[in-house]
């Protein structure tokens, strides 16, 4: 069975090419490496956004994007990393897999998935069309 993963983001960032992370880096990659962060569920993708949002500004213009990773694509796992950015860079540079499963910091026990758009298997991942996503206003009251 394919792995279904999700991203909730502003519509202008709905292209899963990792360019934003390449420009500024992220928790799991330093600048210069195109990495796409996704979550194991829409709910986790929402929570991963909420930790970065101000409670005073209600987020608008968001979409949810689903992706299907075929079951024969190799998925490496990383449970712990003293330096997540260094570990992510090592994974990216090794080109061992197009997908890396990492533990969510926001929800212990759940997983996030990093995609490497420069890996040959990335083209085999089916990216679904972005759909409008609205946050429940109670999250910001």
Protein backbone atom coordinates (compact mmCIF):
# COMPACT_ATOMS: atom_id res chain seq x y z
CA UNK A 1 0.00 0.00 0.00
CA UNK A 2 1.44 3.41 -0.90
CA UNK A 3 2.32 5.90 1.82
CA UNK A 4 0.06 8.98 1.82
CA UNK A 5 1.65 12.16 3.18
CA UNK A 6 0.48 15.77 3.43
CA UNK A 7 1.58 19.37 3.41
CA UNK A 8 -0.48 22.36 4.56
CA UNK A 9 0.99 25.61 3.28
CA UNK A 10 0.17 28.94 1.69
CA UNK A 11 -1.04 28.47 -1.88
CA UNK A 12 2.00 30.25 -3.33
CA UNK A 13 4.24 27.51 -1.83
CA UNK A 14 2.16 24.62 -3.14
CA UNK A 15 4.84 23.48 -5.60
CA UNK A 16 6.75 20.61 -4.00
CA UNK A 17 10.19 21.54 -5.29
CA UNK A 18 11.94 22.42 -2.02
CA UNK A 19 13.04 25.84 -3.27
CA UNK A 20 12.07 27.65 -0.06
CA UNK A 21 14.11 25.26 2.08
CA UNK A 22 16.94 25.48 -0.43
CA UNK A 23 17.03 29.28 -0.05
CA UNK A 24 16.82 29.55 3.73
CA UNK A 25 17.39 26.07 5.13
CA UNK A 26 15.22 24.39 7.71
CA UNK A 27 15.29 22.12 10.73
CA UNK A 28 16.49 19.19 8.59
CA UNK A 29 18.56 20.94 5.91
CA UNK A 30 21.00 23.77 5.53
CA UNK A 31 20.67 26.33 2.72
CA UNK A 32 21.52 24.96 -0.71
CA UNK A 33 19.60 21.69 -0.33
CA UNK A 34 16.06 21.46 -1.71
CA UNK A 35 14.00 19.51 0.82
CA UNK A 36 10.20 19.26 1.09
CA UNK A 37 8.70 18.74 4.56
CA UNK A 38 5.51 16.70 4.73
CA UNK A 39 3.52 15.05 7.52
CA UNK A 40 1.95 11.66 8.06
CA UNK A 41 -1.54 13.21 8.39
CA UNK A 42 -3.36 16.45 7.65
CA UNK A 43 -3.80 16.96 11.40
CA UNK A 44 -0.05 16.75 12.00
CA UNK A 45 0.59 19.10 9.06
CA UNK A 46 -1.78 21.61 10.69
CA UNK A 47 -0.01 21.33 14.05
CA UNK A 48 3.39 21.71 12.41
CA UNK A 49 2.09 25.03 11.01
CA UNK A 50 0.49 26.19 14.25
CA UNK A 51 3.77 26.19 16.15
CA UNK A 52 5.01 28.87 13.73
CA UNK A 53 1.87 31.03 13.53
CA UNK A 54 0.93 33.99 15.68
CA UNK A 55 -2.38 33.64 17.50
CA UNK A 56 -3.21 37.24 16.54
CA UNK A 57 -3.15 36.58 12.78
CA UNK A 58 -5.72 34.20 11.39
CA UNK A 59 -4.07 32.31 8.50
CA UNK A 60 -5.75 32.57 5.12
CA UNK A 61 -4.81 31.43 1.65
CA UNK A 62 -3.71 27.94 2.72
CA UNK A 63 -4.01 24.70 0.80
CA UNK A 64 -3.50 21.03 1.58
CA UNK A 65 -1.48 18.85 -0.76
CA UNK A 66 -1.42 15.08 -0.63
CA UNK A 67 1.27 12.87 -2.11
CA UNK A 68 1.44 9.12 -2.63
CA UNK A 69 4.78 7.38 -2.23
CA UNK A 70 4.75 3.99 -4.00
CA UNK A 71 5.48 1.09 -1.67
CA UNK A 72 8.58 0.07 -3.63
CA UNK A 73 10.30 3.43 -3.04
CA UNK A 74 12.90 3.14 -0.30
CA UNK A 75 12.11 5.15 2.83
CA UNK A 76 14.93 5.60 5.30
CA UNK A 77 14.17 6.40 8.94
CA UNK A 78 15.96 8.58 11.42
CA UNK A 79 14.70 8.32 14.99
CA UNK A 80 17.06 10.69 16.77
CA UNK A 81 19.64 13.25 15.73
CA UNK A 82 21.81 15.41 17.94
CA UNK A 83 22.08 17.85 15.03
CA UNK A 84 19.00 17.44 12.79
CA UNK A 85 20.34 19.78 10.10
CA UNK A 86 23.60 17.87 9.81
CA UNK A 87 21.75 14.52 9.75
CA UNK A 88 19.35 15.79 7.07
CA UNK A 89 22.21 17.15 4.97
CA UNK A 90 23.98 13.79 5.21
CA UNK A 91 20.83 11.99 4.04
CA UNK A 92 20.29 14.49 1.21
CA UNK A 93 23.89 14.33 0.00
CA UNK A 94 24.01 10.51 0.13
CA UNK A 95 21.11 10.22 -2.37
CA UNK A 96 20.24 6.89 -0.66
CA UNK A 97 16.51 7.55 -0.83
CA UNK A 98 13.95 10.07 -2.01
CA UNK A 99 12.15 9.92 1.35
CA UNK A 100 13.34 10.16 4.95
CA UNK A 101 10.99 9.49 7.87
CA UNK A 102 11.75 11.59 10.96
CA UNK A 103 10.02 11.93 14.31
CA UNK A 104 7.73 14.90 14.79
CA UNK A 105 8.87 17.23 17.55
CA UNK A 106 5.36 18.67 17.82
CA UNK A 107 3.60 15.32 18.31
CA UNK A 108 5.82 12.65 19.81
CA UNK A 109 5.15 9.27 18.22
CA UNK A 110 4.02 10.72 14.88
CA UNK A 111 6.18 11.06 11.80
CA UNK A 112 7.12 13.71 9.32
CA UNK A 113 8.62 12.87 5.95
CA UNK A 114 11.33 14.71 4.07
CA UNK A 115 11.35 14.51 0.29
CA UNK A 116 14.43 15.00 -1.84
CA UNK A 117 13.25 16.41 -5.20
CA UNK A 118 16.71 15.83 -6.73
CA UNK A 119 16.54 12.06 -6.18
CA UNK A 120 15.62 9.95 -9.26
CA UNK A 121 12.73 8.25 -7.41
CA UNK A 122 11.10 11.58 -6.57
CA UNK A 123 9.46 11.66 -10.02
CA UNK A 124 7.59 8.46 -9.10
CA UNK A 125 5.83 10.16 -6.17
CA UNK A 126 2.31 11.20 -7.18
CA UNK A 127 1.51 14.72 -6.06
CA UNK A 128 -2.19 15.48 -5.85
CA UNK A 129 -3.72 18.81 -6.76
CA UNK A 130 -3.76 21.39 -3.98
CA UNK A 131 -7.13 21.92 -2.32
CA UNK A 132 -8.19 24.95 -0.31
CA UNK A 133 -7.68 24.52 3.43
CA UNK A 134 -9.32 26.57 6.17
CA UNK A 135 -8.13 26.57 9.75
CA UNK A 136 -10.83 26.25 12.39
CA UNK A 137 -11.21 29.74 13.91
CA UNK A 138 -11.33 28.23 17.43
CA UNK A 139 -7.61 27.50 17.12
CA UNK A 140 -7.00 31.26 17.21
CA UNK A 141 -9.50 32.45 19.83
